């Protein structure tokens, strides 16, 4: 799982800061509306809640945790969000990481 976290860190670092807010909103919606909630590790859910309470989901670390959760719960939809944002390099990276 450590390698997965490192991969998410590399991916998130490539998201332009100007897109952090919209990316965060889209990933939050994806995570909250997922029918696969049971797949999310409880420690990851608690971490996301921690950042949400502090209004830090649209930061690099907040996005990293959201990206982890979204990729675990809905890998194909997460790739779709990155594609929708025009982040095609990240689409390729996510496909490799999520094995989609």
PDB file of N, CA and C in Angstrom:
ATOM      1  N   UNK A   1       0.833  -1.200   0.000  1.00  0.00           N
ATOM      2  CA  UNK A   1       0.000   0.000   0.000  1.00  0.00           C
ATOM      3  C   UNK A   1       0.872   1.256   0.000  1.00  0.00           C
ATOM      4  N   UNK A   2       2.083   1.127   0.520  1.00  0.00           N
ATOM      5  CA  UNK A   2       2.995   2.266   0.532  1.00  0.00           C
ATOM      6  C   UNK A   2       3.313   2.716  -0.891  1.00  0.00           C
ATOM      7  N   UNK A   3       3.546   1.759  -1.793  1.00  0.00           N
ATOM      8  CA  UNK A   3       3.822   2.102  -3.188  1.00  0.00           C
ATOM      9  C   UNK A   3       2.640   2.824  -3.810  1.00  0.00           C
ATOM     10  N   UNK A   4       1.431   2.411  -3.443  1.00  0.00           N
ATOM     11  CA  UNK A   4       0.222   3.051  -3.953  1.00  0.00           C
ATOM     12  C   UNK A   4       0.171   4.504  -3.490  1.00  0.00           C
ATOM     13  N   UNK A   5       0.479   4.732  -2.222  1.00  0.00           N
ATOM     14  CA  UNK A   5       0.495   6.090  -1.683  1.00  0.00           C
ATOM     15  C   UNK A   5       1.529   6.964  -2.368  1.00  0.00           C
ATOM     16  N   UNK A   6       2.687   6.390  -2.650  1.00  0.00           N
ATOM     17  CA  UNK A   6       3.732   7.143  -3.350  1.00  0.00           C
ATOM     18  C   UNK A   6       3.298   7.471  -4.773  1.00  0.00           C
ATOM     19  N   UNK A   7       2.632   6.526  -5.421  1.00  0.00           N
ATOM     20  CA  UNK A   7       2.133   6.776  -6.776  1.00  0.00           C
ATOM     21  C   UNK A   7       1.104   7.902  -6.765  1.00  0.00           C
ATOM     22  N   UNK A   8       0.215   7.906  -5.767  1.00  0.00           N
ATOM     23  CA  UNK A   8      -0.790   8.963  -5.674  1.00  0.00           C
ATOM     24  C   UNK A   8      -0.124  10.318  -5.436  1.00  0.00           C
ATOM     25  N   UNK A   9       0.936  10.324  -4.631  1.00  0.00           N
ATOM     26  CA  UNK A   9       1.657  11.564  -4.360  1.00  0.00           C
ATOM     27  C   UNK A   9       2.233  12.132  -5.662  1.00  0.00           C
ATOM     28  N   UNK A  10       2.844  11.274  -6.477  1.00  0.00           N
ATOM     29  CA  UNK A  10       3.414  11.715  -7.755  1.00  0.00           C
ATOM     30  C   UNK A  10       2.328  12.235  -8.693  1.00  0.00           C
ATOM     31  N   UNK A  11       1.198  11.563  -8.705  1.00  0.00           N
ATOM     32  CA  UNK A  11       0.097  11.966  -9.580  1.00  0.00           C
ATOM     33  C   UNK A  11      -0.447  13.326  -9.159  1.00  0.00           C
ATOM     34  N   UNK A  12      -0.725  13.478  -7.881  1.00  0.00           N
ATOM     35  CA  UNK A  12      -1.325  14.724  -7.385  1.00  0.00           C
ATOM     36  C   UNK A  12      -0.385  15.907  -7.594  1.00  0.00           C
ATOM     37  N   UNK A  13       0.900  15.686  -7.485  1.00  0.00           N
ATOM     38  CA  UNK A  13       1.857  16.780  -7.686  1.00  0.00           C
ATOM     39  C   UNK A  13       1.799  17.337  -9.103  1.00  0.00           C
ATOM     40  N   UNK A  14       1.223  16.605 -10.017  1.00  0.00           N
ATOM     41  CA  UNK A  14       1.107  17.053 -11.410  1.00  0.00           C
ATOM     42  C   UNK A  14      -0.206  17.787 -11.689  1.00  0.00           C
ATOM     43  N   UNK A  15      -1.064  17.867 -10.692  1.00  0.00           N
ATOM     44  CA  UNK A  15      -2.302  18.631 -10.859  1.00  0.00           C
ATOM     45  C   UNK A  15      -1.969  20.100 -10.616  1.00  0.00           C
ATOM     46  N   UNK A  16      -2.254  20.961 -11.583  1.00  0.00           N
ATOM     47  CA  UNK A  16      -1.973  22.394 -11.380  1.00  0.00           C
ATOM     48  C   UNK A  16      -2.781  22.941 -10.199  1.00  0.00           C
ATOM     49  N   UNK A  17      -2.150  23.805  -9.414  1.00  0.00           N
ATOM     50  CA  UNK A  17      -2.818  24.387  -8.245  1.00  0.00           C
ATOM     51  C   UNK A  17      -4.125  25.067  -8.633  1.00  0.00           C
ATOM     52  N   UNK A  18      -4.199  25.577  -9.840  1.00  0.00           N
ATOM     53  CA  UNK A  18      -5.421  26.250 -10.295  1.00  0.00           C
ATOM     54  C   UNK A  18      -6.600  25.284 -10.419  1.00  0.00           C
ATOM     55  N   UNK A  19      -6.328  23.986 -10.449  1.00  0.00           N
ATOM     56  CA  UNK A  19      -7.398  22.985 -10.564  1.00  0.00           C
ATOM     57  C   UNK A  19      -7.675  22.252  -9.260  1.00  0.00           C
ATOM     58  N   UNK A  20      -6.958  22.588  -8.201  1.00  0.00           N
ATOM     59  CA  UNK A  20      -7.138  21.866  -6.939  1.00  0.00           C
ATOM     60  C   UNK A  20      -8.575  21.925  -6.437  1.00  0.00           C
ATOM     61  N   UNK A  21      -9.205  23.086  -6.489  1.00  0.00           N
ATOM     62  CA  UNK A  21     -10.564  23.232  -5.983  1.00  0.00           C
ATOM     63  C   UNK A  21     -11.566  22.387  -6.746  1.00  0.00           C
ATOM     64  N   UNK A  22     -11.538  22.482  -8.072  1.00  0.00           N
ATOM     65  CA  UNK A  22     -12.490  21.719  -8.886  1.00  0.00           C
ATOM     66  C   UNK A  22     -12.188  20.221  -8.806  1.00  0.00           C
ATOM     67  N   UNK A  23     -10.915  19.851  -8.784  1.00  0.00           N
ATOM     68  CA  UNK A  23     -10.563  18.434  -8.657  1.00  0.00           C
ATOM     69  C   UNK A  23     -11.049  17.883  -7.319  1.00  0.00           C
ATOM     70  N   UNK A  24     -10.853  18.653  -6.263  1.00  0.00           N
ATOM     71  CA  UNK A  24     -11.302  18.247  -4.933  1.00  0.00           C
ATOM     72  C   UNK A  24     -12.817  18.039  -4.918  1.00  0.00           C
ATOM     73  N   UNK A  25     -13.556  19.001  -5.452  1.00  0.00           N
ATOM     74  CA  UNK A  25     -15.022  18.886  -5.476  1.00  0.00           C
ATOM     75  C   UNK A  25     -15.477  17.642  -6.231  1.00  0.00           C
ATOM     76  N   UNK A  26     -14.883  17.406  -7.383  1.00  0.00           N
ATOM     77  CA  UNK A  26     -15.278  16.252  -8.194  1.00  0.00           C
ATOM     78  C   UNK A  26     -14.930  14.934  -7.511  1.00  0.00           C
ATOM     79  N   UNK A  27     -13.762  14.877  -6.874  1.00  0.00           N
ATOM     80  CA  UNK A  27     -13.368  13.651  -6.187  1.00  0.00           C
ATOM     81  C   UNK A  27     -14.201  13.412  -4.940  1.00  0.00           C
ATOM     82  N   UNK A  28     -14.566  14.468  -4.224  1.00  0.00           N
ATOM     83  CA  UNK A  28     -15.452  14.320  -3.060  1.00  0.00           C
ATOM     84  C   UNK A  28     -16.793  13.749  -3.513  1.00  0.00           C
ATOM     85  N   UNK A  29     -17.357  14.303  -4.573  1.00  0.00           N
ATOM     86  CA  UNK A  29     -18.631  13.790  -5.093  1.00  0.00           C
ATOM     87  C   UNK A  29     -18.516  12.324  -5.482  1.00  0.00           C
ATOM     88  N   UNK A  30     -17.432  11.978  -6.141  1.00  0.00           N
ATOM     89  CA  UNK A  30     -17.227  10.603  -6.573  1.00  0.00           C
ATOM     90  C   UNK A  30     -17.156   9.663  -5.373  1.00  0.00           C
ATOM     91  N   UNK A  31     -16.376  10.046  -4.370  1.00  0.00           N
ATOM     92  CA  UNK A  31     -16.210   9.209  -3.177  1.00  0.00           C
ATOM     93  C   UNK A  31     -17.526   9.080  -2.407  1.00  0.00           C
ATOM     94  N   UNK A  32     -18.214  10.198  -2.208  1.00  0.00           N
ATOM     95  CA  UNK A  32     -19.461  10.163  -1.433  1.00  0.00           C
ATOM     96  C   UNK A  32     -20.579   9.399  -2.128  1.00  0.00           C
ATOM     97  N   UNK A  33     -20.579   9.406  -3.452  1.00  0.00           N
ATOM     98  CA  UNK A  33     -21.646   8.751  -4.200  1.00  0.00           C
ATOM     99  C   UNK A  33     -21.308   7.327  -4.626  1.00  0.00           C
ATOM    100  N   UNK A  34     -20.159   6.831  -4.214  1.00  0.00           N
ATOM    101  CA  UNK A  34     -19.742   5.488  -4.608  1.00  0.00           C
ATOM    102  C   UNK A  34     -20.568   4.424  -3.893  1.00  0.00           C
ATOM    103  N   UNK A  35     -20.920   3.410  -4.644  1.00  0.00           N
ATOM    104  CA  UNK A  35     -21.611   2.260  -4.063  1.00  0.00           C
ATOM    105  C   UNK A  35     -20.612   1.270  -3.460  1.00  0.00           C
ATOM    106  N   UNK A  36     -19.331   1.593  -3.560  1.00  0.00           N
ATOM    107  CA  UNK A  36     -18.276   0.685  -3.099  1.00  0.00           C
ATOM    108  C   UNK A  36     -17.624   1.153  -1.801  1.00  0.00           C
ATOM    109  N   UNK A  37     -18.358   1.881  -0.993  1.00  0.00           N
ATOM    110  CA  UNK A  37     -17.825   2.465   0.230  1.00  0.00           C
ATOM    111  C   UNK A  37     -17.147   1.472   1.153  1.00  0.00           C
ATOM    112  N   UNK A  38     -17.588   0.225   1.130  1.00  0.00           N
ATOM    113  CA  UNK A  38     -16.998  -0.777   2.017  1.00  0.00           C
ATOM    114  C   UNK A  38     -15.538  -1.066   1.677  1.00  0.00           C
ATOM    115  N   UNK A  39     -15.100  -0.670   0.499  1.00  0.00           N
ATOM    116  CA  UNK A  39     -13.705  -0.893   0.096  1.00  0.00           C
ATOM    117  C   UNK A  39     -12.729   0.101   0.736  1.00  0.00           C
ATOM    118  N   UNK A  40     -13.259   1.223   1.224  1.00  0.00           N
ATOM    119  CA  UNK A  40     -12.369   2.256   1.755  1.00  0.00           C
ATOM    120  C   UNK A  40     -11.864   1.869   3.138  1.00  0.00           C
ATOM    121  N   UNK A  41     -10.541   1.875   3.310  1.00  0.00           N
ATOM    122  CA  UNK A  41      -9.995   1.616   4.641  1.00  0.00           C
ATOM    123  C   UNK A  41     -10.461   2.698   5.618  1.00  0.00           C
ATOM    124  N   UNK A  42     -10.776   2.296   6.832  1.00  0.00           N
ATOM    125  CA  UNK A  42     -11.312   3.257   7.801  1.00  0.00           C
ATOM    126  C   UNK A  42     -10.307   4.358   8.127  1.00  0.00           C
ATOM    127  N   UNK A  43      -9.011   4.031   8.140  1.00  0.00           N
ATOM    128  CA  UNK A  43      -8.025   5.073   8.437  1.00  0.00           C
ATOM    129  C   UNK A  43      -7.984   6.132   7.334  1.00  0.00           C
ATOM    130  N   UNK A  44      -8.218   5.736   6.095  1.00  0.00           N
ATOM    131  CA  UNK A  44      -8.263   6.698   4.996  1.00  0.00           C
ATOM    132  C   UNK A  44      -9.503   7.582   5.118  1.00  0.00           C
ATOM    133  N   UNK A  45     -10.630   6.986   5.473  1.00  0.00           N
ATOM    134  CA  UNK A  45     -11.859   7.762   5.672  1.00  0.00           C
ATOM    135  C   UNK A  45     -11.671   8.787   6.792  1.00  0.00           C
ATOM    136  N   UNK A  46     -11.031   8.373   7.877  1.00  0.00           N
ATOM    137  CA  UNK A  46     -10.784   9.284   8.998  1.00  0.00           C
ATOM    138  C   UNK A  46      -9.842  10.418   8.592  1.00  0.00           C
ATOM    139  N   UNK A  47      -8.853  10.100   7.783  1.00  0.00           N
ATOM    140  CA  UNK A  47      -7.914  11.123   7.319  1.00  0.00           C
ATOM    141  C   UNK A  47      -8.630  12.148   6.442  1.00  0.00           C
ATOM    142  N   UNK A  48      -9.491  11.672   5.554  1.00  0.00           N
ATOM    143  CA  UNK A  48     -10.250  12.578   4.691  1.00  0.00           C
ATOM    144  C   UNK A  48     -11.166  13.459   5.539  1.00  0.00           C
ATOM    145  N   UNK A  49     -11.809  12.875   6.527  1.00  0.00           N
ATOM    146  CA  UNK A  49     -12.666  13.647   7.420  1.00  0.00           C
ATOM    147  C   UNK A  49     -11.849  14.718   8.155  1.00  0.00           C
ATOM    148  N   UNK A  50     -10.669  14.357   8.604  1.00  0.00           N
ATOM    149  CA  UNK A  50      -9.770  15.299   9.284  1.00  0.00           C
ATOM    150  C   UNK A  50      -9.484  16.505   8.385  1.00  0.00           C
ATOM    151  N   UNK A  51      -9.120  16.256   7.135  1.00  0.00           N
ATOM    152  CA  UNK A  51      -8.818  17.358   6.208  1.00  0.00           C
ATOM    153  C   UNK A  51     -10.070  18.151   5.854  1.00  0.00           C
ATOM    154  N   UNK A  52     -11.202  17.471   5.738  1.00  0.00           N
ATOM    155  CA  UNK A  52     -12.464  18.158   5.433  1.00  0.00           C
ATOM    156  C   UNK A  52     -12.839  19.123   6.562  1.00  0.00           C
ATOM    157  N   UNK A  53     -12.698  18.678   7.801  1.00  0.00           N
ATOM    158  CA  UNK A  53     -13.031  19.520   8.949  1.00  0.00           C
ATOM    159  C   UNK A  53     -12.165  20.770   9.010  1.00  0.00           C
ATOM    160  N   UNK A  54     -10.986  20.708   8.450  1.00  0.00           N
ATOM    161  CA  UNK A  54     -10.055  21.831   8.464  1.00  0.00           C
ATOM    162  C   UNK A  54     -10.014  22.577   7.126  1.00  0.00           C
ATOM    163  N   UNK A  55     -10.976  22.248   6.260  1.00  0.00           N
ATOM    164  CA  UNK A  55     -11.089  22.879   4.946  1.00  0.00           C
ATOM    165  C   UNK A  55      -9.779  22.750   4.161  1.00  0.00           C
ATOM    166  N   UNK A  56      -9.211  21.536   4.187  1.00  0.00           N
ATOM    167  CA  UNK A  56      -7.925  21.303   3.526  1.00  0.00           C
ATOM    168  C   UNK A  56      -7.986  20.225   2.448  1.00  0.00           C
ATOM    169  N   UNK A  57      -9.179  19.929   1.949  1.00  0.00           N
ATOM    170  CA  UNK A  57      -9.268  18.916   0.898  1.00  0.00           C
ATOM    171  C   UNK A  57      -8.734  19.435  -0.434  1.00  0.00           C
ATOM    172  N   UNK A  58      -8.752  20.746  -0.629  1.00  0.00           N
ATOM    173  CA  UNK A  58      -8.248  21.328  -1.876  1.00  0.00           C
ATOM    174  C   UNK A  58      -6.779  21.741  -1.735  1.00  0.00           C
ATOM    175  N   UNK A  59      -6.032  20.976  -0.923  1.00  0.00           N
ATOM    176  CA  UNK A  59      -4.587  21.174  -0.797  1.00  0.00           C
ATOM    177  C   UNK A  59      -3.911  19.946  -1.390  1.00  0.00           C
ATOM    178  N   UNK A  60      -2.613  20.002  -1.542  1.00  0.00           N
ATOM    179  CA  UNK A  60      -1.907  18.865  -2.140  1.00  0.00           C
ATOM    180  C   UNK A  60      -2.139  17.580  -1.343  1.00  0.00           C
ATOM    181  N   UNK A  61      -1.998  17.629  -0.022  1.00  0.00           N
ATOM    182  CA  UNK A  61      -2.170  16.426   0.789  1.00  0.00           C
ATOM    183  C   UNK A  61      -3.637  15.989   0.831  1.00  0.00           C
ATOM    184  N   UNK A  62      -4.562  16.943   0.886  1.00  0.00           N
ATOM    185  CA  UNK A  62      -5.976  16.596   0.856  1.00  0.00           C
ATOM    186  C   UNK A  62      -6.355  15.921  -0.449  1.00  0.00           C
ATOM    187  N   UNK A  63      -5.857  16.463  -1.548  1.00  0.00           N
ATOM    188  CA  UNK A  63      -6.121  15.856  -2.860  1.00  0.00           C
ATOM    189  C   UNK A  63      -5.503  14.465  -2.963  1.00  0.00           C
ATOM    190  N   UNK A  64      -4.340  14.307  -2.367  1.00  0.00           N
ATOM    191  CA  UNK A  64      -3.698  12.998  -2.411  1.00  0.00           C
ATOM    192  C   UNK A  64      -4.580  11.947  -1.747  1.00  0.00           C
ATOM    193  N   UNK A  65      -5.115  12.274  -0.578  1.00  0.00           N
ATOM    194  CA  UNK A  65      -5.979  11.315   0.124  1.00  0.00           C
ATOM    195  C   UNK A  65      -7.295  11.076  -0.634  1.00  0.00           C
ATOM    196  N   UNK A  66      -7.854  12.140  -1.198  1.00  0.00           N
ATOM    197  CA  UNK A  66      -9.067  11.981  -2.005  1.00  0.00           C
ATOM    198  C   UNK A  66      -8.795  11.103  -3.232  1.00  0.00           C
ATOM    199  N   UNK A  67      -7.650  11.324  -3.866  1.00  0.00           N
ATOM    200  CA  UNK A  67      -7.291  10.535  -5.047  1.00  0.00           C
ATOM    201  C   UNK A  67      -7.119   9.070  -4.675  1.00  0.00           C
ATOM    202  N   UNK A  68      -6.508   8.809  -3.528  1.00  0.00           N
ATOM    203  CA  UNK A  68      -6.365   7.427  -3.057  1.00  0.00           C
ATOM    204  C   UNK A  68      -7.736   6.786  -2.896  1.00  0.00           C
ATOM    205  N   UNK A  69      -8.622   7.488  -2.191  1.00  0.00           N
ATOM    206  CA  UNK A  69      -9.959   6.936  -1.945  1.00  0.00           C
ATOM    207  C   UNK A  69     -10.723   6.733  -3.250  1.00  0.00           C
ATOM    208  N   UNK A  70     -10.696   7.721  -4.108  1.00  0.00           N
ATOM    209  CA  UNK A  70     -11.430   7.633  -5.374  1.00  0.00           C
ATOM    210  C   UNK A  70     -10.898   6.488  -6.230  1.00  0.00           C
ATOM    211  N   UNK A  71      -9.584   6.312  -6.233  1.00  0.00           N
ATOM    212  CA  UNK A  71      -8.979   5.247  -7.041  1.00  0.00           C
ATOM    213  C   UNK A  71      -9.302   3.874  -6.470  1.00  0.00           C
ATOM    214  N   UNK A  72      -9.376   3.774  -5.160  1.00  0.00           N
ATOM    215  CA  UNK A  72      -9.756   2.504  -4.526  1.00  0.00           C
ATOM    216  C   UNK A  72     -11.219   2.183  -4.815  1.00  0.00           C
ATOM    217  N   UNK A  73     -12.089   3.188  -4.671  1.00  0.00           N
ATOM    218  CA  UNK A  73     -13.534   2.957  -4.797  1.00  0.00           C
ATOM    219  C   UNK A  73     -14.015   2.904  -6.243  1.00  0.00           C
ATOM    220  N   UNK A  74     -13.520   3.814  -7.066  1.00  0.00           N
ATOM    221  CA  UNK A  74     -14.025   3.957  -8.437  1.00  0.00           C
ATOM    222  C   UNK A  74     -12.877   4.293  -9.392  1.00  0.00           C
ATOM    223  N   UNK A  75     -12.001   3.327  -9.667  1.00  0.00           N
ATOM    224  CA  UNK A  75     -10.829   3.646 -10.489  1.00  0.00           C
ATOM    225  C   UNK A  75     -11.178   4.202 -11.875  1.00  0.00           C
ATOM    226  N   UNK A  76     -12.143   3.621 -12.538  1.00  0.00           N
ATOM    227  CA  UNK A  76     -12.486   4.082 -13.888  1.00  0.00           C
ATOM    228  C   UNK A  76     -13.102   5.478 -13.864  1.00  0.00           C
ATOM    229  N   UNK A  77     -13.943   5.748 -12.885  1.00  0.00           N
ATOM    230  CA  UNK A  77     -14.548   7.080 -12.772  1.00  0.00           C
ATOM    231  C   UNK A  77     -13.499   8.127 -12.394  1.00  0.00           C
ATOM    232  N   UNK A  78     -12.523   7.735 -11.583  1.00  0.00           N
ATOM    233  CA  UNK A  78     -11.450   8.651 -11.208  1.00  0.00           C
ATOM    234  C   UNK A  78     -10.650   9.040 -12.449  1.00  0.00           C
ATOM    235  N   UNK A  79     -10.368   8.069 -13.274  1.00  0.00           N
ATOM    236  CA  UNK A  79      -9.670   8.332 -14.529  1.00  0.00           C
ATOM    237  C   UNK A  79     -10.510   9.268 -15.394  1.00  0.00           C
ATOM    238  N   UNK A  80     -11.824   9.054 -15.402  1.00  0.00           N
ATOM    239  CA  UNK A  80     -12.729   9.927 -16.158  1.00  0.00           C
ATOM    240  C   UNK A  80     -12.691  11.369 -15.670  1.00  0.00           C
ATOM    241  N   UNK A  81     -12.596  11.556 -14.370  1.00  0.00           N
ATOM    242  CA  UNK A  81     -12.519  12.915 -13.803  1.00  0.00           C
ATOM    243  C   UNK A  81     -11.239  13.606 -14.274  1.00  0.00           C
ATOM    244  N   UNK A  82     -10.128  12.889 -14.230  1.00  0.00           N
ATOM    245  CA  UNK A  82      -8.860  13.487 -14.657  1.00  0.00           C
ATOM    246  C   UNK A  82      -8.896  13.810 -16.153  1.00  0.00           C
ATOM    247  N   UNK A  83      -9.531  12.945 -16.925  1.00  0.00           N
ATOM    248  CA  UNK A  83      -9.667  13.189 -18.356  1.00  0.00           C
ATOM    249  C   UNK A  83     -10.541  14.415 -18.609  1.00  0.00           C
ATOM    250  N   UNK A  84     -11.629  14.516 -17.859  1.00  0.00           N
ATOM    251  CA  UNK A  84     -12.545  15.659 -17.968  1.00  0.00           C
ATOM    252  C   UNK A  84     -11.830  16.975 -17.643  1.00  0.00           C
ATOM    253  N   UNK A  85     -10.869  16.921 -16.731  1.00  0.00           N
ATOM    254  CA  UNK A  85     -10.100  18.110 -16.358  1.00  0.00           C
ATOM    255  C   UNK A  85      -8.970  18.399 -17.345  1.00  0.00           C
ATOM    256  N   UNK A  86      -8.827  17.534 -18.358  1.00  0.00           N
ATOM    257  CA  UNK A  86      -7.789  17.740 -19.363  1.00  0.00           C
ATOM    258  C   UNK A  86      -6.409  17.305 -18.908  1.00  0.00           C
ATOM    259  N   UNK A  87      -6.346  16.471 -17.882  1.00  0.00           N
ATOM    260  CA  UNK A  87      -5.071  16.019 -17.325  1.00  0.00           C
ATOM    261  C   UNK A  87      -4.726  14.638 -17.898  1.00  0.00           C
ATOM    262  N   UNK A  88      -4.451  14.627 -19.184  1.00  0.00           N
ATOM    263  CA  UNK A  88      -4.287  13.366 -19.909  1.00  0.00           C
ATOM    264  C   UNK A  88      -3.063  12.567 -19.461  1.00  0.00           C
ATOM    265  N   UNK A  89      -2.008  13.252 -19.039  1.00  0.00           N
ATOM    266  CA  UNK A  89      -0.834  12.555 -18.521  1.00  0.00           C
ATOM    267  C   UNK A  89      -1.199  11.780 -17.251  1.00  0.00           C
ATOM    268  N   UNK A  90      -2.074  12.376 -16.444  1.00  0.00           N
ATOM    269  CA  UNK A  90      -2.501  11.703 -15.214  1.00  0.00           C
ATOM    270  C   UNK A  90      -3.395  10.515 -15.514  1.00  0.00           C
ATOM    271  N   UNK A  91      -4.152  10.595 -16.589  1.00  0.00           N
ATOM    272  CA  UNK A  91      -4.986   9.454 -17.004  1.00  0.00           C
ATOM    273  C   UNK A  91      -4.092   8.244 -17.241  1.00  0.00           C
ATOM    274  N   UNK A  92      -3.007   8.459 -17.955  1.00  0.00           N
ATOM    275  CA  UNK A  92      -2.070   7.364 -18.244  1.00  0.00           C
ATOM    276  C   UNK A  92      -1.460   6.834 -16.948  1.00  0.00           C
ATOM    277  N   UNK A  93      -1.042   7.744 -16.068  1.00  0.00           N
ATOM    278  CA  UNK A  93      -0.436   7.336 -14.799  1.00  0.00           C
ATOM    279  C   UNK A  93      -1.428   6.557 -13.938  1.00  0.00           C
ATOM    280  N   UNK A  94      -2.675   7.025 -13.901  1.00  0.00           N
ATOM    281  CA  UNK A  94      -3.691   6.331 -13.098  1.00  0.00           C
ATOM    282  C   UNK A  94      -4.011   4.957 -13.661  1.00  0.00           C
ATOM    283  N   UNK A  95      -4.062   4.845 -14.963  1.00  0.00           N
ATOM    284  CA  UNK A  95      -4.325   3.521 -15.576  1.00  0.00           C
ATOM    285  C   UNK A  95      -3.249   2.540 -15.196  1.00  0.00           C
ATOM    286  N   UNK A  96      -2.006   3.000 -15.182  1.00  0.00           N
ATOM    287  CA  UNK A  96      -0.903   2.125 -14.790  1.00  0.00           C
ATOM    288  C   UNK A  96      -0.975   1.763 -13.312  1.00  0.00           C
ATOM    289  N   UNK A  97      -1.293   2.743 -12.480  1.00  0.00           N
ATOM    290  CA  UNK A  97      -1.337   2.533 -11.029  1.00  0.00           C
ATOM    291  C   UNK A  97      -2.519   1.671 -10.627  1.00  0.00           C
ATOM    292  N   UNK A  98      -3.692   1.965 -11.202  1.00  0.00           N
ATOM    293  CA  UNK A  98      -4.914   1.245 -10.811  1.00  0.00           C
ATOM    294  C   UNK A  98      -5.101  -0.045 -11.598  1.00  0.00           C
ATOM    295  N   UNK A  99      -4.253  -0.290 -12.576  1.00  0.00           N
ATOM    296  CA  UNK A  99      -4.347  -1.506 -13.413  1.00  0.00           C
ATOM    297  C   UNK A  99      -5.711  -1.589 -14.090  1.00  0.00           C
ATOM    298  N   UNK A 100      -6.168  -0.443 -14.610  1.00  0.00           N
ATOM    299  CA  UNK A 100      -7.466  -0.405 -15.303  1.00  0.00           C
ATOM    300  C   UNK A 100      -7.242  -0.598 -16.779  1.00  0.00           C
TER     301      UNK A 100
END
